[in-house]
Amino acid sequence: MRQVKTPAVSNAGAWAMNIISSVSIIMANKQLMAPSGYGFCFATTLTGFHFTVTSLVGWISAKSGYSTPKQVPLWELLRFSIAANLSITGMNFSLMLNSVGFYQISKLSMIPVVCFLEWLLHNKNYSRRVIMSVFVVAFGVGICTVTDLEVNTRGLLCASVAVLSTSLQQIMIGSLQKKYSIGSFELLSNTAPIQAASLLLVGPFADYFLNGYLLLDYDFSYGAILFILLSCTLAVFCNASQYICIGRFSAVSFQVLGHTKTLCVLILGWMLFDSALTVNNVFGMMLAVLGMIFYSSSMEAEKQEQHNPPLPGAEDEEAQPLNDRPDGAGQAKA
C-alpha cells in the first residue's frame, strides 16, 4: 500500500500555527474555565483530554498512511513523559500558590534556564548579541505582565519544579528528534498516549487538591462539552506545532519568539474581555517586539558566520601592517 506523505510545513507556517492555536486555546479555555463561563475548573484533567485526542489523531494518521510510525525506546518516552507531566502539574500548582506577578516571573525565567541547561547538557554557547536580545525580550514581557510579587515557600518550590521540568521537556523534544531521526508528529504520537493515560489517572486528584471539586460532580452541559472538544482540537495543532518549532529551531528560540503569544493574549484580552491596557503594557510590547527582531537578526548572523567561517590566517594577514608583509606587497614602488 502506498503511503501518503503529509505536506511539509514552512518555518513561518509552523510559527503561525503555534501562535494562532496557542492564543485560540487560551481564549477557549478562558471561556470554558472562567466562573462567568462554564466553570470547568479541572485544568490537569483537561490536559489529559487534550493528549487523548492527540493520541487518537496520531493513531488515525498512522493507520491511514499519512505518517510513518517510528519506535523510540520506552524508557526514553517515560522519562520525557515524567518531565512533561511535572511541567503541567507544576505550572497549575504554581498558578494556584503564587501571585500572578511571581507566576509570570517564573515563566520568564525559563529562557535563562533553557540556555543554562543547553550549555550544561549539550555544550552550546551563545553570543553576546543573542544574550542581550534575550534580556530585552524578557524585560519587555516583564513590563507587560508582572504586577505584584508575593513569594512563599511552597509556591517557590512548585515554580522551580515547573520551570526546570518545562525547560527539560522542551530540550528533550529537539534532542529525541535528532537522536532517533524521528519527525515531530511521529514523536508526538509516541509520547501522547503515555501522557494521556498518566494525566487522566492523576489529573482528577490533582484538580481536587487545587480547587476542592470532584470531576464527577461537574454538570456537563452541551456548551461545556462543545468547548472541551474545541479545546482538544486546538491542542492537537498546538502540540504538533510546538514539536515542529522546537525540532527545527531550538528550545531557546521557541521561548523567545513564543512570547509573541503573550502579547497577542494581552491584546485580545483587551479587545474581547475588556481587560485594561496601560501605557506600561504598550511600552513593554514595543520593547519585546524590538527584542525579538534583534534576536532573529542575531541568530541569522550566527548562522552566516558558521556557514562562512573566516579563512585560516586571514585575520592575522589583515591585522599585519602592510610594510611588514614578507611578500613586499605593501611596499611602495620606487
C-alpha atoms as a PDB file:
ATOM      1  CA  MET A   1       0.000   0.000   0.000  1.00  0.00           C
ATOM      2  CA  ARG A   2       1.416   3.373  -0.982  1.00  0.00           C
ATOM      3  CA  GLN A   3       1.911   5.717   1.942  1.00  0.00           C
ATOM      4  CA  VAL A   4       0.856   9.309   1.589  1.00  0.00           C
ATOM      5  CA  LYS A   5       3.254  11.908   2.948  1.00  0.00           C
ATOM      6  CA  THR A   6       1.964  14.958   4.741  1.00  0.00           C
ATOM      7  CA  PRO A   7       2.994  18.206   3.063  1.00  0.00           C
ATOM      8  CA  ALA A   8       5.909  19.968   4.691  1.00  0.00           C
ATOM      9  CA  VAL A   9       5.052  22.967   6.818  1.00  0.00           C
ATOM     10  CA  SER A  10       7.200  26.037   6.238  1.00  0.00           C
ATOM     11  CA  ASN A  11       9.036  27.670   9.134  1.00  0.00           C
ATOM     12  CA  ALA A  12       6.723  30.676   9.049  1.00  0.00           C
ATOM     13  CA  GLY A  13       3.721  28.368   8.816  1.00  0.00           C
ATOM     14  CA  ALA A  14       4.864  26.389  11.860  1.00  0.00           C
ATOM     15  CA  TRP A  15       5.298  29.546  13.942  1.00  0.00           C
ATOM     16  CA  ALA A  16       1.967  30.935  12.740  1.00  0.00           C
ATOM     17  CA  MET A  17       0.188  27.670  13.557  1.00  0.00           C
ATOM     18  CA  ASN A  18       1.709  27.623  17.036  1.00  0.00           C
ATOM     19  CA  ILE A  19       0.845  31.242  17.796  1.00  0.00           C
ATOM     20  CA  ILE A  20      -2.714  31.038  16.417  1.00  0.00           C
ATOM     21  CA  SER A  21      -3.518  27.699  18.077  1.00  0.00           C
ATOM     22  CA  SER A  22      -1.933  28.705  21.409  1.00  0.00           C
ATOM     23  CA  VAL A  23      -3.751  32.027  21.600  1.00  0.00           C
ATOM     24  CA  SER A  24      -7.013  30.415  20.463  1.00  0.00           C
ATOM     25  CA  ILE A  25      -6.808  27.663  23.063  1.00  0.00           C
ATOM     26  CA  ILE A  26      -6.189  30.237  25.799  1.00  0.00           C
ATOM     27  CA  MET A  27      -9.306  32.144  24.718  1.00  0.00           C
ATOM     28  CA  ALA A  28     -11.357  28.913  24.536  1.00  0.00           C
ATOM     29  CA  ASN A  29     -10.115  27.737  27.939  1.00  0.00           C
ATOM     30  CA  LYS A  30     -10.861  31.139  29.428  1.00  0.00           C
ATOM     31  CA  GLN A  31     -14.496  30.774  28.399  1.00  0.00           C
ATOM     32  CA  LEU A  32     -14.572  27.131  29.493  1.00  0.00           C
ATOM     33  CA  MET A  33     -12.939  27.559  32.897  1.00  0.00           C
ATOM     34  CA  ALA A  34     -13.998  31.040  33.996  1.00  0.00           C
ATOM     35  CA  PRO A  35     -16.766  31.252  36.643  1.00  0.00           C
ATOM     36  CA  SER A  36     -18.631  33.574  34.286  1.00  0.00           C
ATOM     37  CA  GLY A  37     -18.345  30.912  31.569  1.00  0.00           C
ATOM     38  CA  TYR A  38     -18.806  27.190  32.128  1.00  0.00           C
ATOM     39  CA  GLY A  39     -16.789  26.900  35.357  1.00  0.00           C
ATOM     40  CA  PHE A  40     -14.824  23.793  34.293  1.00  0.00           C
ATOM     41  CA  CYS A  41     -12.022  24.103  36.876  1.00  0.00           C
ATOM     42  CA  PHE A  42     -10.182  20.863  36.068  1.00  0.00           C
ATOM     43  CA  ALA A  43      -7.082  22.047  34.222  1.00  0.00           C
ATOM     44  CA  THR A  44      -4.930  18.924  34.658  1.00  0.00           C
ATOM     45  CA  THR A  45      -7.753  16.592  33.596  1.00  0.00           C
ATOM     46  CA  LEU A  46      -8.457  18.839  30.598  1.00  0.00           C
ATOM     47  CA  THR A  47      -4.829  18.418  29.543  1.00  0.00           C
ATOM     48  CA  GLY A  48      -5.360  14.664  29.761  1.00  0.00           C
ATOM     49  CA  PHE A  49      -8.305  15.079  27.375  1.00  0.00           C
ATOM     50  CA  HIS A  50      -6.009  17.051  25.062  1.00  0.00           C
ATOM     51  CA  PHE A  51      -3.438  14.259  24.823  1.00  0.00           C
ATOM     52  CA  THR A  52      -6.161  11.624  24.456  1.00  0.00           C
ATOM     53  CA  VAL A  53      -7.463  13.363  21.327  1.00  0.00           C
ATOM     54  CA  THR A  54      -3.887  13.920  20.116  1.00  0.00           C
ATOM     55  CA  SER A  55      -3.194  10.182  20.565  1.00  0.00           C
ATOM     56  CA  LEU A  56      -6.323   9.346  18.582  1.00  0.00           C
ATOM     57  CA  VAL A  57      -5.298  11.676  15.743  1.00  0.00           C
ATOM     58  CA  GLY A  58      -1.809  10.121  15.696  1.00  0.00           C
ATOM     59  CA  TRP A  59      -3.260   6.604  15.555  1.00  0.00           C
ATOM     60  CA  ILE A  60      -5.627   7.530  12.701  1.00  0.00           C
ATOM     61  CA  SER A  61      -2.779   9.241  10.841  1.00  0.00           C
ATOM     62  CA  ALA A  62      -0.582   6.148  11.107  1.00  0.00           C
ATOM     63  CA  LYS A  63      -3.351   3.742  10.091  1.00  0.00           C
ATOM     64  CA  SER A  64      -4.325   5.847   7.077  1.00  0.00           C
ATOM     65  CA  GLY A  65      -0.716   6.175   5.901  1.00  0.00           C
ATOM     66  CA  TYR A  66      -0.337   9.909   6.458  1.00  0.00           C
ATOM     67  CA  SER A  67       2.526   9.341   8.898  1.00  0.00           C
ATOM     68  CA  THR A  68       5.116   6.607   9.327  1.00  0.00           C
ATOM     69  CA  PRO A  69       5.267   5.084  12.824  1.00  0.00           C
ATOM     70  CA  LYS A  70       8.760   5.056  14.323  1.00  0.00           C
ATOM     71  CA  GLN A  71       9.792   3.405  17.551  1.00  0.00           C
ATOM     72  CA  VAL A  72      11.511   5.193  20.423  1.00  0.00           C
ATOM     73  CA  PRO A  73      12.727   3.216  23.455  1.00  0.00           C
ATOM     74  CA  LEU A  74      10.091   3.057  26.177  1.00  0.00           C
ATOM     75  CA  TRP A  75      12.437   4.360  28.858  1.00  0.00           C
ATOM     76  CA  GLU A  76      13.052   7.498  26.782  1.00  0.00           C
ATOM     77  CA  LEU A  77       9.305   8.044  26.399  1.00  0.00           C
ATOM     78  CA  LEU A  78       8.730   7.510  30.123  1.00  0.00           C
ATOM     79  CA  ARG A  79      11.494   9.943  31.040  1.00  0.00           C
ATOM     80  CA  PHE A  80      10.065  12.548  28.697  1.00  0.00           C
ATOM     81  CA  SER A  81       6.503  11.991  29.965  1.00  0.00           C
ATOM     82  CA  ILE A  82       7.603  12.438  33.583  1.00  0.00           C
ATOM     83  CA  ALA A  83       9.189  15.794  32.722  1.00  0.00           C
ATOM     84  CA  ALA A  84       6.158  16.866  30.661  1.00  0.00           C
ATOM     85  CA  ASN A  85       3.634  15.902  33.345  1.00  0.00           C
ATOM     86  CA  LEU A  86       5.682  17.590  36.078  1.00  0.00           C
ATOM     87  CA  SER A  87       5.647  20.689  33.875  1.00  0.00           C
ATOM     88  CA  ILE A  88       1.850  20.677  33.584  1.00  0.00           C
ATOM     89  CA  THR A  89       1.083  19.964  37.224  1.00  0.00           C
ATOM     90  CA  GLY A  90       3.872  22.255  38.428  1.00  0.00           C
ATOM     91  CA  MET A  91       2.517  25.160  36.395  1.00  0.00           C
ATOM     92  CA  ASN A  92      -1.000  24.581  37.728  1.00  0.00           C
ATOM     93  CA  PHE A  93       0.181  24.447  41.331  1.00  0.00           C
ATOM     94  CA  SER A  94       2.440  27.469  40.787  1.00  0.00           C
ATOM     95  CA  LEU A  95      -0.500  29.486  39.493  1.00  0.00           C
ATOM     96  CA  MET A  96      -2.584  28.400  42.486  1.00  0.00           C
ATOM     97  CA  LEU A  97       0.015  29.098  45.196  1.00  0.00           C
ATOM     98  CA  ASN A  98       1.727  32.198  43.782  1.00  0.00           C
ATOM     99  CA  SER A  99       0.614  35.665  42.814  1.00  0.00           C
ATOM    100  CA  VAL A 100       0.134  36.367  39.115  1.00  0.00           C
ATOM    101  CA  GLY A 101       3.245  38.546  39.123  1.00  0.00           C
ATOM    102  CA  PHE A 102       5.528  35.837  40.525  1.00  0.00           C
ATOM    103  CA  TYR A 103       3.945  33.258  38.201  1.00  0.00           C
ATOM    104  CA  GLN A 104       4.884  35.431  35.216  1.00  0.00           C
ATOM    105  CA  ILE A 105       8.411  35.972  36.558  1.00  0.00           C
ATOM    106  CA  SER A 106       8.846  32.200  36.874  1.00  0.00           C
ATOM    107  CA  LYS A 107       7.747  31.738  33.248  1.00  0.00           C
ATOM    108  CA  LEU A 108      10.205  34.406  32.093  1.00  0.00           C
ATOM    109  CA  SER A 109      12.998  32.649  33.974  1.00  0.00           C
ATOM    110  CA  MET A 110      12.636  29.669  31.638  1.00  0.00           C
ATOM    111  CA  ILE A 111      14.699  31.459  28.977  1.00  0.00           C
ATOM    112  CA  PRO A 112      17.930  31.675  31.024  1.00  0.00           C
ATOM    113  CA  VAL A 113      17.252  28.211  32.493  1.00  0.00           C
ATOM    114  CA  VAL A 114      16.969  26.705  28.995  1.00  0.00           C
ATOM    115  CA  CYS A 115      20.168  28.491  27.955  1.00  0.00           C
ATOM    116  CA  PHE A 116      21.999  27.148  31.025  1.00  0.00           C
ATOM    117  CA  LEU A 117      20.726  23.581  30.538  1.00  0.00           C
ATOM    118  CA  GLU A 118      21.655  23.565  26.840  1.00  0.00           C
ATOM    119  CA  TRP A 119      25.141  24.764  27.791  1.00  0.00           C
ATOM    120  CA  LEU A 120      25.371  22.139  30.558  1.00  0.00           C
ATOM    121  CA  LEU A 121      23.902  19.193  28.632  1.00  0.00           C
ATOM    122  CA  HIS A 122      24.896  19.948  25.035  1.00  0.00           C
ATOM    123  CA  ASN A 123      27.850  22.331  25.470  1.00  0.00           C
ATOM    124  CA  LYS A 124      26.027  25.006  23.477  1.00  0.00           C
ATOM    125  CA  ASN A 125      27.355  28.554  23.670  1.00  0.00           C
ATOM    126  CA  TYR A 126      25.542  31.818  22.940  1.00  0.00           C
ATOM    127  CA  SER A 127      26.989  35.052  21.606  1.00  0.00           C
ATOM    128  CA  ARG A 128      26.765  38.337  23.469  1.00  0.00           C
ATOM    129  CA  ARG A 129      24.237  39.641  20.907  1.00  0.00           C
ATOM    130  CA  VAL A 130      21.895  36.696  21.484  1.00  0.00           C
ATOM    131  CA  ILE A 131      22.139  37.019  25.270  1.00  0.00           C
ATOM    132  CA  MET A 132      21.420  40.744  25.051  1.00  0.00           C
ATOM    133  CA  SER A 133      18.379  40.208  22.802  1.00  0.00           C
ATOM    134  CA  VAL A 134      17.018  37.551  25.174  1.00  0.00           C
ATOM    135  CA  PHE A 135      17.348  40.029  28.038  1.00  0.00           C
ATOM    136  CA  VAL A 136      15.485  42.717  26.057  1.00  0.00           C
ATOM    137  CA  VAL A 137      12.610  40.333  25.239  1.00  0.00           C
ATOM    138  CA  ALA A 138      12.298  39.137  28.834  1.00  0.00           C
ATOM    139  CA  PHE A 139      12.446  42.700  30.171  1.00  0.00           C
ATOM    140  CA  GLY A 140       9.766  43.874  27.737  1.00  0.00           C
ATOM    141  CA  VAL A 141       7.413  40.990  28.503  1.00  0.00           C
ATOM    142  CA  GLY A 142       8.070  41.529  32.207  1.00  0.00           C
ATOM    143  CA  ILE A 143       6.931  45.150  31.952  1.00  0.00           C
ATOM    144  CA  CYS A 144       3.748  43.941  30.217  1.00  0.00           C
ATOM    145  CA  THR A 145       2.782  41.174  32.580  1.00  0.00           C
ATOM    146  CA  VAL A 146       4.363  41.469  36.009  1.00  0.00           C
ATOM    147  CA  THR A 147       2.318  43.308  38.616  1.00  0.00           C
ATOM    148  CA  ASP A 148       2.544  42.242  42.264  1.00  0.00           C
ATOM    149  CA  LEU A 149       5.260  39.959  43.630  1.00  0.00           C
ATOM    150  CA  GLU A 150       4.400  37.698  46.547  1.00  0.00           C
ATOM    151  CA  VAL A 151       6.675  34.739  47.278  1.00  0.00           C
ATOM    152  CA  ASN A 152       6.037  31.822  49.629  1.00  0.00           C
ATOM    153  CA  THR A 153       7.997  28.630  50.227  1.00  0.00           C
ATOM    154  CA  ARG A 154       5.540  26.151  48.698  1.00  0.00           C
ATOM    155  CA  GLY A 155       4.878  28.426  45.738  1.00  0.00           C
ATOM    156  CA  LEU A 156       8.602  28.884  45.111  1.00  0.00           C
ATOM    157  CA  LEU A 157       9.144  25.111  45.205  1.00  0.00           C
ATOM    158  CA  CYS A 158       6.304  24.452  42.735  1.00  0.00           C
ATOM    159  CA  ALA A 159       7.519  27.227  40.432  1.00  0.00           C
ATOM    160  CA  SER A 160      11.065  25.832  40.498  1.00  0.00           C
ATOM    161  CA  VAL A 161       9.826  22.332  39.614  1.00  0.00           C
ATOM    162  CA  ALA A 162       7.643  23.749  36.830  1.00  0.00           C
ATOM    163  CA  VAL A 163      10.429  25.847  35.295  1.00  0.00           C
ATOM    164  CA  LEU A 164      13.036  23.073  35.449  1.00  0.00           C
ATOM    165  CA  SER A 165      10.734  20.350  34.094  1.00  0.00           C
ATOM    166  CA  THR A 166       9.357  22.569  31.309  1.00  0.00           C
ATOM    167  CA  SER A 167      12.870  23.535  30.242  1.00  0.00           C
ATOM    168  CA  LEU A 168      13.984  19.883  30.231  1.00  0.00           C
ATOM    169  CA  GLN A 169      10.895  18.836  28.281  1.00  0.00           C
ATOM    170  CA  GLN A 170      11.487  21.393  25.548  1.00  0.00           C
ATOM    171  CA  ILE A 171      15.170  20.481  25.246  1.00  0.00           C
ATOM    172  CA  MET A 172      14.299  16.772  25.105  1.00  0.00           C
ATOM    173  CA  ILE A 173      11.869  17.319  22.212  1.00  0.00           C
ATOM    174  CA  GLY A 174      14.688  18.525  19.972  1.00  0.00           C
ATOM    175  CA  SER A 175      17.272  16.012  21.216  1.00  0.00           C
ATOM    176  CA  LEU A 176      14.959  12.992  20.782  1.00  0.00           C
ATOM    177  CA  GLN A 177      14.106  14.026  17.231  1.00  0.00           C
ATOM    178  CA  LYS A 178      17.782  14.275  16.321  1.00  0.00           C
ATOM    179  CA  LYS A 179      18.850  11.165  18.242  1.00  0.00           C
ATOM    180  CA  TYR A 180      16.282   8.832  16.676  1.00  0.00           C
ATOM    181  CA  SER A 181      15.794  10.671  13.339  1.00  0.00           C
ATOM    182  CA  ILE A 182      12.087  10.937  14.032  1.00  0.00           C
ATOM    183  CA  GLY A 183       9.674  13.580  12.803  1.00  0.00           C
ATOM    184  CA  SER A 184       7.894  15.947  15.126  1.00  0.00           C
ATOM    185  CA  PHE A 185       4.423  14.453  14.652  1.00  0.00           C
ATOM    186  CA  GLU A 186       5.747  10.900  14.935  1.00  0.00           C
ATOM    187  CA  LEU A 187       7.437  11.765  18.244  1.00  0.00           C
ATOM    188  CA  LEU A 188       4.252  13.396  19.488  1.00  0.00           C
ATOM    189  CA  SER A 189       2.294  10.262  18.506  1.00  0.00           C
ATOM    190  CA  ASN A 190       4.706   8.204  20.651  1.00  0.00           C
ATOM    191  CA  THR A 191       4.572  10.410  23.738  1.00  0.00           C
ATOM    192  CA  ALA A 192       0.896  11.456  23.708  1.00  0.00           C
ATOM    193  CA  PRO A 193      -0.625   8.083  24.783  1.00  0.00           C
ATOM    194  CA  ILE A 194       1.648   7.851  27.844  1.00  0.00           C
ATOM    195  CA  GLN A 195       0.883  11.439  28.856  1.00  0.00           C
ATOM    196  CA  ALA A 196      -2.842  10.924  28.269  1.00  0.00           C
ATOM    197  CA  ALA A 197      -3.008   7.796  30.431  1.00  0.00           C
ATOM    198  CA  SER A 198      -0.965   9.279  33.281  1.00  0.00           C
ATOM    199  CA  LEU A 199      -2.777  12.643  33.297  1.00  0.00           C
ATOM    200  CA  LEU A 200      -6.230  11.052  33.201  1.00  0.00           C
ATOM    201  CA  LEU A 201      -5.173   8.889  36.148  1.00  0.00           C
ATOM    202  CA  VAL A 202      -3.592  11.644  38.249  1.00  0.00           C
ATOM    203  CA  GLY A 203      -5.497  14.668  36.918  1.00  0.00           C
ATOM    204  CA  PRO A 204      -8.779  14.363  38.863  1.00  0.00           C
ATOM    205  CA  PHE A 205      -6.877  14.009  42.167  1.00  0.00           C
ATOM    206  CA  ALA A 206      -4.585  16.944  41.370  1.00  0.00           C
ATOM    207  CA  ASP A 207      -7.562  19.087  40.387  1.00  0.00           C
ATOM    208  CA  TYR A 208      -9.409  18.155  43.581  1.00  0.00           C
ATOM    209  CA  PHE A 209      -6.384  19.260  45.594  1.00  0.00           C
ATOM    210  CA  LEU A 210      -6.248  22.503  43.605  1.00  0.00           C
ATOM    211  CA  ASN A 211      -9.894  23.560  43.798  1.00  0.00           C
ATOM    212  CA  GLY A 212     -11.744  21.134  46.102  1.00  0.00           C
ATOM    213  CA  TYR A 213     -14.206  19.977  43.418  1.00  0.00           C
ATOM    214  CA  LEU A 214     -14.739  16.443  42.126  1.00  0.00           C
ATOM    215  CA  LEU A 215     -14.921  15.884  38.370  1.00  0.00           C
ATOM    216  CA  LEU A 216     -17.914  13.540  38.846  1.00  0.00           C
ATOM    217  CA  ASP A 217     -19.880  16.371  40.448  1.00  0.00           C
ATOM    218  CA  TYR A 218     -19.480  18.655  37.425  1.00  0.00           C
ATOM    219  CA  ASP A 219     -22.591  19.253  35.320  1.00  0.00           C
ATOM    220  CA  PHE A 220     -21.505  18.666  31.715  1.00  0.00           C
ATOM    221  CA  SER A 221     -23.758  20.959  29.687  1.00  0.00           C
ATOM    222  CA  TYR A 222     -23.825  20.927  25.884  1.00  0.00           C
ATOM    223  CA  GLY A 223     -21.946  24.225  25.820  1.00  0.00           C
ATOM    224  CA  ALA A 224     -19.218  22.890  28.130  1.00  0.00           C
ATOM    225  CA  ILE A 225     -18.828  19.732  26.036  1.00  0.00           C
ATOM    226  CA  LEU A 226     -18.584  21.852  22.874  1.00  0.00           C
ATOM    227  CA  PHE A 227     -15.813  24.000  24.348  1.00  0.00           C
ATOM    228  CA  ILE A 228     -13.974  20.928  25.674  1.00  0.00           C
ATOM    229  CA  LEU A 229     -13.994  19.468  22.158  1.00  0.00           C
ATOM    230  CA  LEU A 230     -12.850  22.816  20.734  1.00  0.00           C
ATOM    231  CA  SER A 231     -10.035  22.987  23.288  1.00  0.00           C
ATOM    232  CA  CYS A 232      -8.942  19.421  22.454  1.00  0.00           C
ATOM    233  CA  THR A 233      -8.967  20.147  18.716  1.00  0.00           C
ATOM    234  CA  LEU A 234      -6.857  23.271  19.161  1.00  0.00           C
ATOM    235  CA  ALA A 235      -4.496  21.309  21.443  1.00  0.00           C
ATOM    236  CA  VAL A 236      -3.659  18.931  18.578  1.00  0.00           C
ATOM    237  CA  PHE A 237      -2.441  21.856  16.445  1.00  0.00           C
ATOM    238  CA  CYS A 238      -0.745  23.484  19.434  1.00  0.00           C
ATOM    239  CA  ASN A 239       1.182  20.333  20.430  1.00  0.00           C
ATOM    240  CA  ALA A 240       2.133  19.434  16.859  1.00  0.00           C
ATOM    241  CA  SER A 241       3.376  22.945  16.041  1.00  0.00           C
ATOM    242  CA  GLN A 242       5.372  23.063  19.299  1.00  0.00           C
ATOM    243  CA  TYR A 243       7.219  19.874  18.370  1.00  0.00           C
ATOM    244  CA  ILE A 244       7.809  21.182  14.843  1.00  0.00           C
ATOM    245  CA  CYS A 245       9.176  24.539  16.030  1.00  0.00           C
ATOM    246  CA  ILE A 246      11.499  23.103  18.683  1.00  0.00           C
ATOM    247  CA  GLY A 247      12.677  20.352  16.319  1.00  0.00           C
ATOM    248  CA  ARG A 248      13.588  22.853  13.596  1.00  0.00           C
ATOM    249  CA  PHE A 249      14.977  25.644  15.749  1.00  0.00           C
ATOM    250  CA  SER A 250      15.763  25.338  19.455  1.00  0.00           C
ATOM    251  CA  ALA A 251      14.101  25.494  22.837  1.00  0.00           C
ATOM    252  CA  VAL A 252      15.543  28.998  23.339  1.00  0.00           C
ATOM    253  CA  SER A 253      14.086  30.261  20.060  1.00  0.00           C
ATOM    254  CA  PHE A 254      10.749  28.720  20.986  1.00  0.00           C
ATOM    255  CA  GLN A 255      10.795  30.530  24.319  1.00  0.00           C
ATOM    256  CA  VAL A 256      11.865  33.900  22.909  1.00  0.00           C
ATOM    257  CA  LEU A 257       9.581  34.046  19.881  1.00  0.00           C
ATOM    258  CA  GLY A 258       6.879  32.264  21.852  1.00  0.00           C
ATOM    259  CA  HIS A 259       6.384  35.411  23.911  1.00  0.00           C
ATOM    260  CA  THR A 260       4.542  36.704  20.860  1.00  0.00           C
ATOM    261  CA  LYS A 261       1.671  34.641  22.244  1.00  0.00           C
ATOM    262  CA  THR A 262       1.776  36.609  25.490  1.00  0.00           C
ATOM    263  CA  LEU A 263       1.475  39.865  23.591  1.00  0.00           C
ATOM    264  CA  CYS A 264      -1.402  38.500  21.484  1.00  0.00           C
ATOM    265  CA  VAL A 265      -3.234  37.338  24.612  1.00  0.00           C
ATOM    266  CA  LEU A 266      -2.889  40.807  26.146  1.00  0.00           C
ATOM    267  CA  ILE A 267      -4.244  42.482  23.001  1.00  0.00           C
ATOM    268  CA  LEU A 268      -7.118  40.005  22.555  1.00  0.00           C
ATOM    269  CA  GLY A 269      -7.950  40.228  26.256  1.00  0.00           C
ATOM    270  CA  TRP A 270      -8.248  43.987  25.823  1.00  0.00           C
ATOM    271  CA  MET A 271     -10.388  43.597  22.676  1.00  0.00           C
ATOM    272  CA  LEU A 272     -12.646  40.701  23.740  1.00  0.00           C
ATOM    273  CA  PHE A 273     -12.757  40.718  27.533  1.00  0.00           C
ATOM    274  CA  ASP A 274     -12.375  44.422  28.363  1.00  0.00           C
ATOM    275  CA  SER A 275      -9.019  43.875  30.080  1.00  0.00           C
ATOM    276  CA  ALA A 276      -7.075  47.023  30.915  1.00  0.00           C
ATOM    277  CA  LEU A 277      -4.276  48.035  28.535  1.00  0.00           C
ATOM    278  CA  THR A 278      -1.943  50.526  30.181  1.00  0.00           C
ATOM    279  CA  VAL A 279       0.992  52.599  28.998  1.00  0.00           C
ATOM    280  CA  ASN A 280       3.315  50.035  30.603  1.00  0.00           C
ATOM    281  CA  ASN A 281       1.672  47.280  28.557  1.00  0.00           C
ATOM    282  CA  VAL A 282       2.157  49.178  25.297  1.00  0.00           C
ATOM    283  CA  PHE A 283       5.763  50.143  26.107  1.00  0.00           C
ATOM    284  CA  GLY A 284       6.582  46.590  27.162  1.00  0.00           C
ATOM    285  CA  MET A 285       5.079  45.191  23.962  1.00  0.00           C
ATOM    286  CA  MET A 286       7.138  47.525  21.797  1.00  0.00           C
ATOM    287  CA  LEU A 287      10.313  46.638  23.721  1.00  0.00           C
ATOM    288  CA  ALA A 288       9.590  42.908  23.462  1.00  0.00           C
ATOM    289  CA  VAL A 289       8.972  43.125  19.706  1.00  0.00           C
ATOM    290  CA  LEU A 290      12.251  45.009  19.219  1.00  0.00           C
ATOM    291  CA  GLY A 291      14.000  42.325  21.267  1.00  0.00           C
ATOM    292  CA  MET A 292      12.504  39.570  19.108  1.00  0.00           C
ATOM    293  CA  ILE A 293      13.679  41.333  15.947  1.00  0.00           C
ATOM    294  CA  PHE A 294      17.147  41.737  17.481  1.00  0.00           C
ATOM    295  CA  TYR A 295      17.169  38.063  18.496  1.00  0.00           C
ATOM    296  CA  SER A 296      16.184  36.897  14.990  1.00  0.00           C
ATOM    297  CA  SER A 297      18.851  39.037  13.335  1.00  0.00           C
ATOM    298  CA  SER A 298      21.471  37.863  15.856  1.00  0.00           C
ATOM    299  CA  MET A 299      20.668  34.201  15.236  1.00  0.00           C
ATOM    300  CA  GLU A 300      20.765  34.774  11.475  1.00  0.00           C
ATOM    301  CA  ALA A 301      24.172  36.461  11.823  1.00  0.00           C
ATOM    302  CA  GLU A 302      25.459  33.492  13.828  1.00  0.00           C
ATOM    303  CA  LYS A 303      24.282  31.085  11.136  1.00  0.00           C
ATOM    304  CA  GLN A 304      26.032  33.125   8.454  1.00  0.00           C
ATOM    305  CA  GLU A 305      29.240  33.102  10.486  1.00  0.00           C
ATOM    306  CA  GLN A 306      29.031  29.328  10.909  1.00  0.00           C
ATOM    307  CA  HIS A 307      28.389  28.754   7.192  1.00  0.00           C
ATOM    308  CA  ASN A 308      31.062  31.242   6.077  1.00  0.00           C
ATOM    309  CA  PRO A 309      33.929  30.987   8.590  1.00  0.00           C
ATOM    310  CA  PRO A 310      36.952  33.261   8.031  1.00  0.00           C
ATOM    311  CA  LEU A 311      39.817  31.690   6.102  1.00  0.00           C
ATOM    312  CA  PRO A 312      42.732  30.462   8.230  1.00  0.00           C
ATOM    313  CA  GLY A 313      45.247  33.239   8.725  1.00  0.00           C
ATOM    314  CA  ALA A 314      43.039  35.849   7.038  1.00  0.00           C
ATOM    315  CA  GLU A 315      42.568  37.842  10.214  1.00  0.00           C
ATOM    316  CA  ASP A 316      46.281  37.747  11.002  1.00  0.00           C
ATOM    317  CA  GLU A 317      47.130  38.907   7.487  1.00  0.00           C
ATOM    318  CA  GLU A 318      44.668  41.784   7.673  1.00  0.00           C
ATOM    319  CA  ALA A 319      45.956  42.792  11.075  1.00  0.00           C
ATOM    320  CA  GLN A 320      49.591  42.766   9.933  1.00  0.00           C
ATOM    321  CA  PRO A 321      50.928  46.182   8.783  1.00  0.00           C
ATOM    322  CA  LEU A 322      51.402  46.411   5.029  1.00  0.00           C
ATOM    323  CA  ASN A 323      55.048  47.393   5.268  1.00  0.00           C
ATOM    324  CA  ASP A 324      55.835  44.297   7.356  1.00  0.00           C
ATOM    325  CA  ARG A 325      54.393  41.717   4.969  1.00  0.00           C
ATOM    326  CA  PRO A 326      57.052  39.278   3.782  1.00  0.00           C
ATOM    327  CA  ASP A 327      55.934  39.390   0.148  1.00  0.00           C
ATOM    328  CA  GLY A 328      56.537  43.103  -0.037  1.00  0.00           C
ATOM    329  CA  ALA A 329      53.062  43.698  -1.361  1.00  0.00           C
ATOM    330  CA  GLY A 330      52.624  46.732   0.770  1.00  0.00           C
ATOM    331  CA  GLN A 331      55.970  48.359  -0.006  1.00  0.00           C
ATOM    332  CA  ALA A 332      55.965  51.489  -2.074  1.00  0.00           C
ATOM    333  CA  LYS A 333      57.307  51.241  -5.563  1.00  0.00           C
ATOM    334  CA  ALA A 334      60.460  53.088  -6.340  1.00  0.00           C
END
